[in-house]
Amino acid sequence: MTERPPEHHARLLMYGMMLACIGLAMYLSGVLLALPRNLLGLNARMLALNEWVVWYSGVPFVLGLCLALFDLFVLLGRKRSPRLEVRHDPIVNARLVVALTAYDDEASIADAVRDFRAHPLVDEVIVVSNNSRDRTLERAAEAGATVIDEKQQGYGRCVFRCLQEALTRNSELIVLCEGDRTFRAYDLDKFLAYAAHADIVHGTRTVEALRARVTQLSTFMYYGNLFVGKLLEAKHLGRSTITDVGTTYKLCRRDALSRLMPHLEPAVNLEFNAHFLDVALDQGCDVVECPITFHPRVGVSKGGNLNNARALRVGLRMLFGIAWSWKTVET
């Protein structure tokens, strides 16, 4: 495949969405201000402020709407791929190496390793533990995995080490996943069905029929994740369709991943998957989403899905990274 240089365009739709959201938030705040103003008899003090907030909320909203419409109806044609046909770049050797992140996953890691090793196209399973305090590495080794302990703490550093280790193998296709049993090896067949069309096939958990009834992904997290995904899609308008920025499970072509590695920041922590997608699209990679099954986690979550408050903090850091700079969210 011929490598094409990344192209950078004005991110008008992304900034337009953000301005429109600010305008909407201002308007709703103005409406809510009317309650204490009238109920507490503060009309004289708060009326001017209340009117100002409601009146001027239209400024960012209309400006954002104009930017978004201009990007969609004027600039979109220049941003889309110049290819006239859908990419079809068949995989010559569909052998896989699978790298699993793990942190205190003693209860699940052995089953995860056995699940992936049982797939007929998987040559090796690598488990990278991020200073696990239990017997995660021992259980993984007993199940037949190649085990590594990443001493630098942080989810991003663990994922980055997974990718580094996988690139030392000879496989053309590299799969990244987690060792907590939220994902299954049988979805590898879905990834391979999309692999001819992409550099990176990224799993999405947004298909309702493919999600278990009870998972660590709450309704708030589900729609927050979808919103951040659409903001990332707006940033790279015409390049990809993104509905899930929090999924680790993905398949990468070796040549594409090798190009991305120098641009990734392992110091980005729980937001690393959004960072990975942002960098991949920025560097001109073809990213295709694939619907995957999502299962209840074995054990206790230690990541951004711990609770809604933590998920909100992670989501806001993702927004800062996407809209401004990932340097601002490094640990």
C-alpha atoms as a PDB file:
ATOM      1  CA  MET A   1       0.000   0.000   0.000  1.00  0.00           C
ATOM      2  CA  THR A   2       1.305   3.447  -0.881  1.00  0.00           C
ATOM      3  CA  GLU A   3       1.683   5.667   2.139  1.00  0.00           C
ATOM      4  CA  ARG A   4      -0.053   8.982   1.706  1.00  0.00           C
ATOM      5  CA  PRO A   5       0.916  12.030   3.725  1.00  0.00           C
ATOM      6  CA  PRO A   6      -1.596  13.368   6.253  1.00  0.00           C
ATOM      7  CA  GLU A   7      -3.680  16.322   5.162  1.00  0.00           C
ATOM      8  CA  HIS A   8      -4.725  19.025   7.592  1.00  0.00           C
ATOM      9  CA  HIS A   9      -7.940  20.988   7.101  1.00  0.00           C
ATOM     10  CA  ALA A  10      -9.858  23.547   9.099  1.00  0.00           C
ATOM     11  CA  ARG A  11     -11.803  21.775  11.861  1.00  0.00           C
ATOM     12  CA  LEU A  12     -14.879  23.959  11.426  1.00  0.00           C
ATOM     13  CA  LEU A  13     -17.486  21.310  12.190  1.00  0.00           C
ATOM     14  CA  MET A  14     -15.779  20.350  15.449  1.00  0.00           C
ATOM     15  CA  TYR A  15     -15.468  23.931  16.673  1.00  0.00           C
ATOM     16  CA  GLY A  16     -18.964  24.670  15.403  1.00  0.00           C
ATOM     17  CA  MET A  17     -20.356  21.798  17.480  1.00  0.00           C
ATOM     18  CA  MET A  18     -18.525  23.058  20.544  1.00  0.00           C
ATOM     19  CA  LEU A  19     -19.763  26.636  20.096  1.00  0.00           C
ATOM     20  CA  ALA A  20     -23.332  25.438  19.573  1.00  0.00           C
ATOM     21  CA  CYS A  21     -23.106  23.373  22.770  1.00  0.00           C
ATOM     22  CA  ILE A  22     -21.801  26.408  24.662  1.00  0.00           C
ATOM     23  CA  GLY A  23     -24.704  28.497  23.344  1.00  0.00           C
ATOM     24  CA  LEU A  24     -27.224  25.846  24.301  1.00  0.00           C
ATOM     25  CA  ALA A  25     -25.692  25.545  27.779  1.00  0.00           C
ATOM     26  CA  MET A  26     -25.886  29.337  28.205  1.00  0.00           C
ATOM     27  CA  TYR A  27     -29.540  29.373  27.178  1.00  0.00           C
ATOM     28  CA  LEU A  28     -30.487  26.564  29.560  1.00  0.00           C
ATOM     29  CA  SER A  29     -28.549  28.291  32.361  1.00  0.00           C
ATOM     30  CA  GLY A  30     -30.502  31.466  31.680  1.00  0.00           C
ATOM     31  CA  VAL A  31     -33.775  29.585  31.861  1.00  0.00           C
ATOM     32  CA  LEU A  32     -32.768  28.003  35.175  1.00  0.00           C
ATOM     33  CA  LEU A  33     -31.730  31.398  36.570  1.00  0.00           C
ATOM     34  CA  ALA A  34     -35.325  32.499  36.277  1.00  0.00           C
ATOM     35  CA  LEU A  35     -36.309  30.081  39.054  1.00  0.00           C
ATOM     36  CA  PRO A  36     -34.258  31.572  41.929  1.00  0.00           C
ATOM     37  CA  ARG A  37     -34.876  35.066  40.518  1.00  0.00           C
ATOM     38  CA  ASN A  38     -38.635  34.684  40.895  1.00  0.00           C
ATOM     39  CA  LEU A  39     -38.848  32.306  43.850  1.00  0.00           C
ATOM     40  CA  LEU A  40     -36.406  34.230  46.051  1.00  0.00           C
ATOM     41  CA  GLY A  41     -37.556  37.700  45.097  1.00  0.00           C
ATOM     42  CA  LEU A  42     -34.261  38.606  43.420  1.00  0.00           C
ATOM     43  CA  ASN A  43     -35.799  40.090  40.316  1.00  0.00           C
ATOM     44  CA  ALA A  44     -34.176  43.499  40.759  1.00  0.00           C
ATOM     45  CA  ARG A  45     -30.701  42.057  41.187  1.00  0.00           C
ATOM     46  CA  MET A  46     -30.775  39.221  38.682  1.00  0.00           C
ATOM     47  CA  LEU A  47     -33.046  40.352  35.858  1.00  0.00           C
ATOM     48  CA  ALA A  48     -30.298  42.084  33.876  1.00  0.00           C
ATOM     49  CA  LEU A  49     -27.941  39.113  34.212  1.00  0.00           C
ATOM     50  CA  ASN A  50     -30.716  36.677  33.359  1.00  0.00           C
ATOM     51  CA  GLU A  51     -31.673  38.584  30.201  1.00  0.00           C
ATOM     52  CA  TRP A  52     -28.020  38.960  29.163  1.00  0.00           C
ATOM     53  CA  VAL A  53     -27.335  35.212  29.439  1.00  0.00           C
ATOM     54  CA  VAL A  54     -30.454  34.237  27.473  1.00  0.00           C
ATOM     55  CA  TRP A  55     -30.036  36.953  24.818  1.00  0.00           C
ATOM     56  CA  TYR A  56     -26.337  36.406  24.140  1.00  0.00           C
ATOM     57  CA  SER A  57     -26.583  32.607  24.180  1.00  0.00           C
ATOM     58  CA  GLY A  58     -27.614  32.962  20.560  1.00  0.00           C
ATOM     59  CA  VAL A  59     -24.212  34.346  19.561  1.00  0.00           C
ATOM     60  CA  PRO A  60     -22.108  31.175  20.020  1.00  0.00           C
ATOM     61  CA  PHE A  61     -25.026  29.009  18.908  1.00  0.00           C
ATOM     62  CA  VAL A  62     -25.558  30.798  15.584  1.00  0.00           C
ATOM     63  CA  LEU A  63     -21.825  31.163  14.958  1.00  0.00           C
ATOM     64  CA  GLY A  64     -21.304  27.470  15.649  1.00  0.00           C
ATOM     65  CA  LEU A  65     -24.194  26.523  13.380  1.00  0.00           C
ATOM     66  CA  CYS A  66     -22.753  28.634  10.555  1.00  0.00           C
ATOM     67  CA  LEU A  67     -19.313  27.052  10.902  1.00  0.00           C
ATOM     68  CA  ALA A  68     -20.810  23.553  10.937  1.00  0.00           C
ATOM     69  CA  LEU A  69     -22.999  24.152   7.871  1.00  0.00           C
ATOM     70  CA  PHE A  70     -20.100  25.703   5.928  1.00  0.00           C
ATOM     71  CA  ASP A  71     -17.903  22.698   6.697  1.00  0.00           C
ATOM     72  CA  LEU A  72     -20.617  20.201   5.758  1.00  0.00           C
ATOM     73  CA  PHE A  73     -21.887  21.809   2.566  1.00  0.00           C
ATOM     74  CA  VAL A  74     -18.801  23.608   1.220  1.00  0.00           C
ATOM     75  CA  LEU A  75     -15.625  21.936   2.490  1.00  0.00           C
ATOM     76  CA  LEU A  76     -16.672  18.296   2.907  1.00  0.00           C
ATOM     77  CA  GLY A  77     -16.003  17.403  -0.723  1.00  0.00           C
ATOM     78  CA  ARG A  78     -12.371  18.477  -0.395  1.00  0.00           C
ATOM     79  CA  LYS A  79     -11.856  16.548   2.825  1.00  0.00           C
ATOM     80  CA  ARG A  80     -13.070  13.149   1.718  1.00  0.00           C
ATOM     81  CA  SER A  81     -10.696  10.574   0.289  1.00  0.00           C
ATOM     82  CA  PRO A  82      -9.848  11.171  -3.388  1.00  0.00           C
ATOM     83  CA  ARG A  83     -10.345   7.442  -4.082  1.00  0.00           C
ATOM     84  CA  LEU A  84     -13.277   6.808  -6.393  1.00  0.00           C
ATOM     85  CA  GLU A  85     -13.701   3.206  -5.258  1.00  0.00           C
ATOM     86  CA  VAL A  86     -13.888   1.584  -1.840  1.00  0.00           C
ATOM     87  CA  ARG A  87     -10.475   0.443  -0.691  1.00  0.00           C
ATOM     88  CA  HIS A  88      -9.927  -3.290  -1.001  1.00  0.00           C
ATOM     89  CA  ASP A  89      -6.424  -4.321  -0.012  1.00  0.00           C
ATOM     90  CA  PRO A  90      -6.581  -8.072   0.757  1.00  0.00           C
ATOM     91  CA  ILE A  91      -4.528  -9.577   3.554  1.00  0.00           C
ATOM     92  CA  VAL A  92      -2.035 -12.073   2.163  1.00  0.00           C
ATOM     93  CA  ASN A  93      -1.296 -13.799   5.464  1.00  0.00           C
ATOM     94  CA  ALA A  94      -4.109 -13.451   8.006  1.00  0.00           C
ATOM     95  CA  ARG A  95      -2.108 -14.738  10.963  1.00  0.00           C
ATOM     96  CA  LEU A  96      -2.543 -12.753  14.187  1.00  0.00           C
ATOM     97  CA  VAL A  97      -0.589 -11.786  17.262  1.00  0.00           C
ATOM     98  CA  VAL A  98      -2.800 -10.658  20.154  1.00  0.00           C
ATOM     99  CA  ALA A  99      -1.616  -8.301  22.892  1.00  0.00           C
ATOM    100  CA  LEU A 100      -3.687  -7.993  26.079  1.00  0.00           C
ATOM    101  CA  THR A 101      -3.430  -5.254  28.684  1.00  0.00           C
ATOM    102  CA  ALA A 102      -3.868  -6.375  32.282  1.00  0.00           C
ATOM    103  CA  TYR A 103      -3.939  -4.851  35.753  1.00  0.00           C
ATOM    104  CA  ASP A 104      -4.901  -7.006  38.730  1.00  0.00           C
ATOM    105  CA  ASP A 105      -6.808  -9.347  36.415  1.00  0.00           C
ATOM    106  CA  GLU A 106      -5.989 -12.633  38.144  1.00  0.00           C
ATOM    107  CA  ALA A 107      -9.624 -13.732  38.025  1.00  0.00           C
ATOM    108  CA  SER A 108      -9.994 -13.292  34.267  1.00  0.00           C
ATOM    109  CA  ILE A 109      -6.645 -13.353  32.490  1.00  0.00           C
ATOM    110  CA  ALA A 110      -6.254 -17.125  32.144  1.00  0.00           C
ATOM    111  CA  ASP A 111      -9.660 -17.518  30.485  1.00  0.00           C
ATOM    112  CA  ALA A 112      -8.931 -14.554  28.214  1.00  0.00           C
ATOM    113  CA  VAL A 113      -5.608 -16.040  27.127  1.00  0.00           C
ATOM    114  CA  ARG A 114      -7.105 -19.466  26.484  1.00  0.00           C
ATOM    115  CA  ASP A 115      -9.957 -17.921  24.518  1.00  0.00           C
ATOM    116  CA  PHE A 116      -7.622 -16.098  22.121  1.00  0.00           C
ATOM    117  CA  ARG A 117      -5.097 -18.942  21.860  1.00  0.00           C
ATOM    118  CA  ALA A 118      -7.905 -21.268  20.793  1.00  0.00           C
ATOM    119  CA  HIS A 119      -8.647 -19.142  17.722  1.00  0.00           C
ATOM    120  CA  PRO A 120      -7.142 -20.918  14.673  1.00  0.00           C
ATOM    121  CA  LEU A 121      -5.478 -17.788  13.279  1.00  0.00           C
ATOM    122  CA  VAL A 122      -3.770 -16.619  16.478  1.00  0.00           C
ATOM    123  CA  ASP A 123      -0.053 -17.433  16.610  1.00  0.00           C
ATOM    124  CA  GLU A 124       0.760 -15.853  19.955  1.00  0.00           C
ATOM    125  CA  VAL A 125      -0.891 -14.091  22.877  1.00  0.00           C
ATOM    126  CA  ILE A 126       1.131 -11.477  24.733  1.00  0.00           C
ATOM    127  CA  VAL A 127       0.020 -10.224  28.143  1.00  0.00           C
ATOM    128  CA  VAL A 128       1.425  -6.929  29.417  1.00  0.00           C
ATOM    129  CA  SER A 129       0.733  -6.370  33.094  1.00  0.00           C
ATOM    130  CA  ASN A 130       1.031  -2.853  34.487  1.00  0.00           C
ATOM    131  CA  ASN A 131       2.539  -3.670  37.903  1.00  0.00           C
ATOM    132  CA  SER A 132      -0.282  -6.000  38.891  1.00  0.00           C
ATOM    133  CA  ARG A 133      -0.358  -6.702  42.620  1.00  0.00           C
ATOM    134  CA  ASP A 134      -1.901 -10.152  42.293  1.00  0.00           C
ATOM    135  CA  ARG A 135      -1.016 -13.301  40.310  1.00  0.00           C
ATOM    136  CA  THR A 136      -2.010 -11.919  36.901  1.00  0.00           C
ATOM    137  CA  LEU A 137       1.325 -12.686  35.230  1.00  0.00           C
ATOM    138  CA  GLU A 138       1.540 -16.145  36.747  1.00  0.00           C
ATOM    139  CA  ARG A 139      -1.983 -17.051  35.615  1.00  0.00           C
ATOM    140  CA  ALA A 140      -1.313 -15.701  32.110  1.00  0.00           C
ATOM    141  CA  ALA A 141       1.893 -17.700  31.765  1.00  0.00           C
ATOM    142  CA  GLU A 142       0.158 -20.874  32.963  1.00  0.00           C
ATOM    143  CA  ALA A 143      -2.474 -20.355  30.240  1.00  0.00           C
ATOM    144  CA  GLY A 144       0.233 -20.144  27.564  1.00  0.00           C
ATOM    145  CA  ALA A 145       0.807 -16.417  27.099  1.00  0.00           C
ATOM    146  CA  THR A 146       4.070 -14.570  26.695  1.00  0.00           C
ATOM    147  CA  VAL A 147       4.144 -12.328  29.759  1.00  0.00           C
ATOM    148  CA  ILE A 148       5.727  -8.905  30.288  1.00  0.00           C
ATOM    149  CA  ASP A 149       5.507  -6.512  33.238  1.00  0.00           C
ATOM    150  CA  GLU A 150       5.432  -2.819  32.314  1.00  0.00           C
ATOM    151  CA  LYS A 151       6.967  -0.978  35.264  1.00  0.00           C
ATOM    152  CA  GLN A 152       5.887   2.544  34.272  1.00  0.00           C
ATOM    153  CA  GLN A 153       2.417   3.010  35.698  1.00  0.00           C
ATOM    154  CA  GLY A 154      -0.436   4.178  33.494  1.00  0.00           C
ATOM    155  CA  TYR A 155      -2.929   2.668  31.058  1.00  0.00           C
ATOM    156  CA  GLY A 156      -1.395   4.483  28.092  1.00  0.00           C
ATOM    157  CA  ARG A 157       2.047   3.122  28.911  1.00  0.00           C
ATOM    158  CA  CYS A 158       0.627  -0.401  29.173  1.00  0.00           C
ATOM    159  CA  VAL A 159      -1.106  -0.136  25.785  1.00  0.00           C
ATOM    160  CA  PHE A 160       1.996   1.391  24.200  1.00  0.00           C
ATOM    161  CA  ARG A 161       4.128  -1.483  25.524  1.00  0.00           C
ATOM    162  CA  CYS A 162       1.621  -3.967  24.071  1.00  0.00           C
ATOM    163  CA  LEU A 163       2.015  -2.370  20.656  1.00  0.00           C
ATOM    164  CA  GLN A 164       5.804  -2.267  20.958  1.00  0.00           C
ATOM    165  CA  GLU A 165       6.014  -5.944  21.857  1.00  0.00           C
ATOM    166  CA  ALA A 166       3.583  -6.990  19.121  1.00  0.00           C
ATOM    167  CA  LEU A 167       5.631  -5.145  16.482  1.00  0.00           C
ATOM    168  CA  THR A 168       8.671  -7.277  17.327  1.00  0.00           C
ATOM    169  CA  ARG A 169       6.795 -10.311  16.025  1.00  0.00           C
ATOM    170  CA  ASN A 170       6.492 -11.205  12.330  1.00  0.00           C
ATOM    171  CA  SER A 171       2.715 -11.023  12.056  1.00  0.00           C
ATOM    172  CA  GLU A 172       1.237  -8.603   9.518  1.00  0.00           C
ATOM    173  CA  LEU A 173      -1.838  -8.177  11.723  1.00  0.00           C
ATOM    174  CA  ILE A 174      -1.750  -7.060  15.349  1.00  0.00           C
ATOM    175  CA  VAL A 175      -4.728  -7.221  17.701  1.00  0.00           C
ATOM    176  CA  LEU A 176      -4.984  -5.135  20.864  1.00  0.00           C
ATOM    177  CA  CYS A 177      -7.449  -6.106  23.562  1.00  0.00           C
ATOM    178  CA  GLU A 178      -7.949  -6.344  27.351  1.00  0.00           C
ATOM    179  CA  GLY A 179      -7.651  -9.265  29.702  1.00  0.00           C
ATOM    180  CA  ASP A 180     -10.850  -8.656  31.682  1.00  0.00           C
ATOM    181  CA  ARG A 181     -13.128 -10.830  29.497  1.00  0.00           C
ATOM    182  CA  THR A 182     -15.274  -7.941  28.273  1.00  0.00           C
ATOM    183  CA  PHE A 183     -14.378  -9.017  24.720  1.00  0.00           C
ATOM    184  CA  ARG A 184     -14.231 -12.387  22.955  1.00  0.00           C
ATOM    185  CA  ALA A 185     -11.921 -14.024  20.432  1.00  0.00           C
ATOM    186  CA  TYR A 186     -14.758 -14.990  18.078  1.00  0.00           C
ATOM    187  CA  ASP A 187     -15.043 -11.325  17.084  1.00  0.00           C
ATOM    188  CA  LEU A 188     -11.642 -11.630  15.383  1.00  0.00           C
ATOM    189  CA  ASP A 189     -13.506 -13.055  12.385  1.00  0.00           C
ATOM    190  CA  LYS A 190     -15.479  -9.806  12.131  1.00  0.00           C
ATOM    191  CA  PHE A 191     -12.282  -7.758  12.259  1.00  0.00           C
ATOM    192  CA  LEU A 192     -10.763  -9.834   9.471  1.00  0.00           C
ATOM    193  CA  ALA A 193     -13.844  -9.290   7.303  1.00  0.00           C
ATOM    194  CA  TYR A 194     -13.177  -5.525   7.473  1.00  0.00           C
ATOM    195  CA  ALA A 195      -9.375  -5.711   7.342  1.00  0.00           C
ATOM    196  CA  ALA A 196      -9.140  -5.444   3.554  1.00  0.00           C
ATOM    197  CA  HIS A 197     -10.730  -1.998   3.727  1.00  0.00           C
ATOM    198  CA  ALA A 198      -8.660  -0.391   6.460  1.00  0.00           C
ATOM    199  CA  ASP A 199      -5.360   0.193   8.217  1.00  0.00           C
ATOM    200  CA  ILE A 200      -7.101  -0.060  11.580  1.00  0.00           C
ATOM    201  CA  VAL A 201     -10.330  -1.897  12.357  1.00  0.00           C
ATOM    202  CA  HIS A 202     -11.722  -0.448  15.573  1.00  0.00           C
ATOM    203  CA  GLY A 203     -14.367  -2.199  17.639  1.00  0.00           C
ATOM    204  CA  THR A 204     -17.543  -0.379  18.616  1.00  0.00           C
ATOM    205  CA  ARG A 205     -19.807  -1.352  21.529  1.00  0.00           C
ATOM    206  CA  THR A 206     -22.739   0.777  20.365  1.00  0.00           C
ATOM    207  CA  VAL A 207     -24.861  -1.951  18.738  1.00  0.00           C
ATOM    208  CA  GLU A 208     -27.555  -2.668  21.306  1.00  0.00           C
ATOM    209  CA  ALA A 209     -28.151  -6.300  20.352  1.00  0.00           C
ATOM    210  CA  LEU A 210     -24.446  -7.059  20.826  1.00  0.00           C
ATOM    211  CA  ARG A 211     -24.223  -5.640  24.355  1.00  0.00           C
ATOM    212  CA  ALA A 212     -24.900  -7.739  27.435  1.00  0.00           C
ATOM    213  CA  ARG A 213     -27.787  -6.453  29.537  1.00  0.00           C
ATOM    214  CA  VAL A 214     -25.534  -5.523  32.455  1.00  0.00           C
ATOM    215  CA  THR A 215     -22.022  -4.171  31.842  1.00  0.00           C
ATOM    216  CA  GLN A 216     -19.792  -1.531  33.416  1.00  0.00           C
ATOM    217  CA  LEU A 217     -20.824   0.888  30.655  1.00  0.00           C
ATOM    218  CA  SER A 218     -23.644   2.925  32.197  1.00  0.00           C
ATOM    219  CA  THR A 219     -26.157   4.907  30.137  1.00  0.00           C
ATOM    220  CA  PHE A 220     -24.277   8.119  30.968  1.00  0.00           C
ATOM    221  CA  MET A 221     -20.982   6.586  29.810  1.00  0.00           C
ATOM    222  CA  TYR A 222     -22.566   5.121  26.685  1.00  0.00           C
ATOM    223  CA  TYR A 223     -23.916   8.441  25.391  1.00  0.00           C
ATOM    224  CA  GLY A 224     -20.946  10.442  26.627  1.00  0.00           C
ATOM    225  CA  ASN A 225     -18.676   8.097  24.714  1.00  0.00           C
ATOM    226  CA  LEU A 226     -20.860   8.479  21.632  1.00  0.00           C
ATOM    227  CA  PHE A 227     -20.697  12.282  21.905  1.00  0.00           C
ATOM    228  CA  VAL A 228     -16.893  12.297  22.137  1.00  0.00           C
ATOM    229  CA  GLY A 229     -16.772   9.909  19.180  1.00  0.00           C
ATOM    230  CA  LYS A 230     -18.861  12.259  17.068  1.00  0.00           C
ATOM    231  CA  LEU A 231     -16.675  15.198  18.067  1.00  0.00           C
ATOM    232  CA  LEU A 232     -13.632  13.246  16.883  1.00  0.00           C
ATOM    233  CA  GLU A 233     -15.473  12.369  13.675  1.00  0.00           C
ATOM    234  CA  ALA A 234     -16.252  16.060  13.181  1.00  0.00           C
ATOM    235  CA  LYS A 235     -12.589  16.946  13.676  1.00  0.00           C
ATOM    236  CA  HIS A 236     -11.610  14.549  10.895  1.00  0.00           C
ATOM    237  CA  LEU A 237     -14.683  15.177   8.764  1.00  0.00           C
ATOM    238  CA  GLY A 238     -14.869  12.929   5.724  1.00  0.00           C
ATOM    239  CA  ARG A 239     -12.276  10.482   7.052  1.00  0.00           C
ATOM    240  CA  SER A 240     -14.162   8.002   9.224  1.00  0.00           C
ATOM    241  CA  THR A 241     -17.317   7.207  11.184  1.00  0.00           C
ATOM    242  CA  ILE A 242     -16.657   7.090  14.933  1.00  0.00           C
ATOM    243  CA  THR A 243     -19.202   5.989  17.533  1.00  0.00           C
ATOM    244  CA  ASP A 244     -16.961   4.593  20.262  1.00  0.00           C
ATOM    245  CA  VAL A 245     -13.669   6.102  21.443  1.00  0.00           C
ATOM    246  CA  GLY A 246     -13.234   3.976  24.568  1.00  0.00           C
ATOM    247  CA  THR A 247     -12.801   0.501  23.106  1.00  0.00           C
ATOM    248  CA  THR A 248      -9.408  -1.142  23.392  1.00  0.00           C
ATOM    249  CA  TYR A 249     -10.303  -3.993  21.052  1.00  0.00           C
ATOM    250  CA  LYS A 250      -8.867  -3.264  17.607  1.00  0.00           C
ATOM    251  CA  LEU A 251      -6.897  -4.787  14.730  1.00  0.00           C
ATOM    252  CA  CYS A 252      -3.968  -2.938  13.139  1.00  0.00           C
ATOM    253  CA  ARG A 253      -1.871  -3.521  10.055  1.00  0.00           C
ATOM    254  CA  ARG A 254       1.827  -3.650  10.888  1.00  0.00           C
ATOM    255  CA  ASP A 255       2.896  -0.949   8.406  1.00  0.00           C
ATOM    256  CA  ALA A 256       0.271   1.510   9.651  1.00  0.00           C
ATOM    257  CA  LEU A 257       1.056   0.858  13.308  1.00  0.00           C
ATOM    258  CA  SER A 258       4.782   1.316  12.679  1.00  0.00           C
ATOM    259  CA  ARG A 259       4.074   4.754  11.216  1.00  0.00           C
ATOM    260  CA  LEU A 260       1.888   5.727  14.168  1.00  0.00           C
ATOM    261  CA  MET A 261       4.176   4.730  17.017  1.00  0.00           C
ATOM    262  CA  PRO A 262       6.470   7.819  16.900  1.00  0.00           C
ATOM    263  CA  HIS A 263       3.398  10.080  17.118  1.00  0.00           C
ATOM    264  CA  LEU A 264       1.743   8.389  20.111  1.00  0.00           C
ATOM    265  CA  GLU A 265       2.133   9.760  23.636  1.00  0.00           C
ATOM    266  CA  PRO A 266       2.279   6.879  26.158  1.00  0.00           C
ATOM    267  CA  ALA A 267       1.963   9.404  29.000  1.00  0.00           C
ATOM    268  CA  VAL A 268      -1.710   9.871  28.012  1.00  0.00           C
ATOM    269  CA  ASN A 269      -3.462   7.676  30.549  1.00  0.00           C
ATOM    270  CA  LEU A 270      -7.090   6.469  30.485  1.00  0.00           C
ATOM    271  CA  GLU A 271      -7.775   8.616  27.415  1.00  0.00           C
ATOM    272  CA  PHE A 272      -5.240   6.700  25.307  1.00  0.00           C
ATOM    273  CA  ASN A 273      -7.728   4.970  23.006  1.00  0.00           C
ATOM    274  CA  ALA A 274      -9.232   8.297  21.902  1.00  0.00           C
ATOM    275  CA  HIS A 275      -5.699   9.629  21.487  1.00  0.00           C
ATOM    276  CA  PHE A 276      -4.798   6.606  19.335  1.00  0.00           C
ATOM    277  CA  LEU A 277      -7.753   7.158  17.001  1.00  0.00           C
ATOM    278  CA  ASP A 278      -7.061  10.891  16.758  1.00  0.00           C
ATOM    279  CA  VAL A 279      -3.424  10.291  15.812  1.00  0.00           C
ATOM    280  CA  ALA A 280      -4.339   7.532  13.345  1.00  0.00           C
ATOM    281  CA  LEU A 281      -6.794   9.766  11.485  1.00  0.00           C
ATOM    282  CA  ASP A 282      -4.414  12.721  11.635  1.00  0.00           C
ATOM    283  CA  GLN A 283      -1.688  10.600  10.036  1.00  0.00           C
ATOM    284  CA  GLY A 284      -3.895   9.543   7.144  1.00  0.00           C
ATOM    285  CA  CYS A 285      -4.798   6.002   8.244  1.00  0.00           C
ATOM    286  CA  ASP A 286      -8.033   4.419   7.100  1.00  0.00           C
ATOM    287  CA  VAL A 287     -10.047   3.612  10.245  1.00  0.00           C
ATOM    288  CA  VAL A 288     -13.156   1.445   9.959  1.00  0.00           C
ATOM    289  CA  GLU A 289     -15.429   0.611  12.889  1.00  0.00           C
ATOM    290  CA  CYS A 290     -16.599  -2.942  13.422  1.00  0.00           C
ATOM    291  CA  PRO A 291     -19.533  -3.903  15.702  1.00  0.00           C
ATOM    292  CA  ILE A 292     -18.331  -6.228  18.461  1.00  0.00           C
ATOM    293  CA  THR A 293     -19.915  -8.001  21.398  1.00  0.00           C
ATOM    294  CA  PHE A 294     -19.524  -6.494  24.855  1.00  0.00           C
ATOM    295  CA  HIS A 295     -19.704  -8.619  27.991  1.00  0.00           C
ATOM    296  CA  PRO A 296     -19.732  -8.057  31.762  1.00  0.00           C
ATOM    297  CA  ARG A 297     -16.300  -7.535  33.220  1.00  0.00           C
ATOM    298  CA  VAL A 298     -14.786 -10.231  35.429  1.00  0.00           C
ATOM    299  CA  GLY A 299     -13.596  -8.503  38.588  1.00  0.00           C
ATOM    300  CA  VAL A 300     -13.647  -4.813  39.485  1.00  0.00           C
ATOM    301  CA  SER A 301     -13.032  -2.075  36.920  1.00  0.00           C
ATOM    302  CA  LYS A 302      -9.929   0.050  37.469  1.00  0.00           C
ATOM    303  CA  GLY A 303     -10.317   2.293  34.448  1.00  0.00           C
ATOM    304  CA  GLY A 304     -12.597   5.092  33.321  1.00  0.00           C
ATOM    305  CA  ASN A 305     -15.707   2.930  33.796  1.00  0.00           C
ATOM    306  CA  LEU A 306     -15.313   2.780  37.581  1.00  0.00           C
ATOM    307  CA  ASN A 307     -18.208   5.236  38.077  1.00  0.00           C
ATOM    308  CA  ASN A 308     -19.942   8.110  36.277  1.00  0.00           C
ATOM    309  CA  ALA A 309     -17.895  10.796  38.041  1.00  0.00           C
ATOM    310  CA  ARG A 310     -14.629   9.260  36.925  1.00  0.00           C
ATOM    311  CA  ALA A 311     -16.007   8.689  33.437  1.00  0.00           C
ATOM    312  CA  LEU A 312     -16.939  12.390  33.259  1.00  0.00           C
ATOM    313  CA  ARG A 313     -13.377  13.409  34.142  1.00  0.00           C
ATOM    314  CA  VAL A 314     -11.946  11.043  31.530  1.00  0.00           C
ATOM    315  CA  GLY A 315     -14.431  12.297  28.932  1.00  0.00           C
ATOM    316  CA  LEU A 316     -13.560  15.937  29.590  1.00  0.00           C
ATOM    317  CA  ARG A 317      -9.860  15.147  29.268  1.00  0.00           C
ATOM    318  CA  MET A 318     -10.607  13.440  25.958  1.00  0.00           C
ATOM    319  CA  LEU A 319     -12.399  16.591  24.786  1.00  0.00           C
ATOM    320  CA  PHE A 320      -9.392  18.726  25.735  1.00  0.00           C
ATOM    321  CA  GLY A 321      -7.040  16.364  23.943  1.00  0.00           C
ATOM    322  CA  ILE A 322      -9.122  16.255  20.770  1.00  0.00           C
ATOM    323  CA  ALA A 323      -9.881  19.987  20.624  1.00  0.00           C
ATOM    324  CA  TRP A 324      -6.564  21.424  21.831  1.00  0.00           C
ATOM    325  CA  SER A 325      -3.583  19.198  22.555  1.00  0.00           C
ATOM    326  CA  TRP A 326      -2.959  15.787  24.056  1.00  0.00           C
ATOM    327  CA  LYS A 327      -0.016  17.300  25.898  1.00  0.00           C
ATOM    328  CA  THR A 328      -2.564  18.950  28.198  1.00  0.00           C
ATOM    329  CA  VAL A 329      -3.862  15.567  29.452  1.00  0.00           C
ATOM    330  CA  GLU A 330      -0.581  13.716  29.952  1.00  0.00           C
ATOM    331  CA  THR A 331      -0.017  12.330  33.431  1.00  0.00           C
END
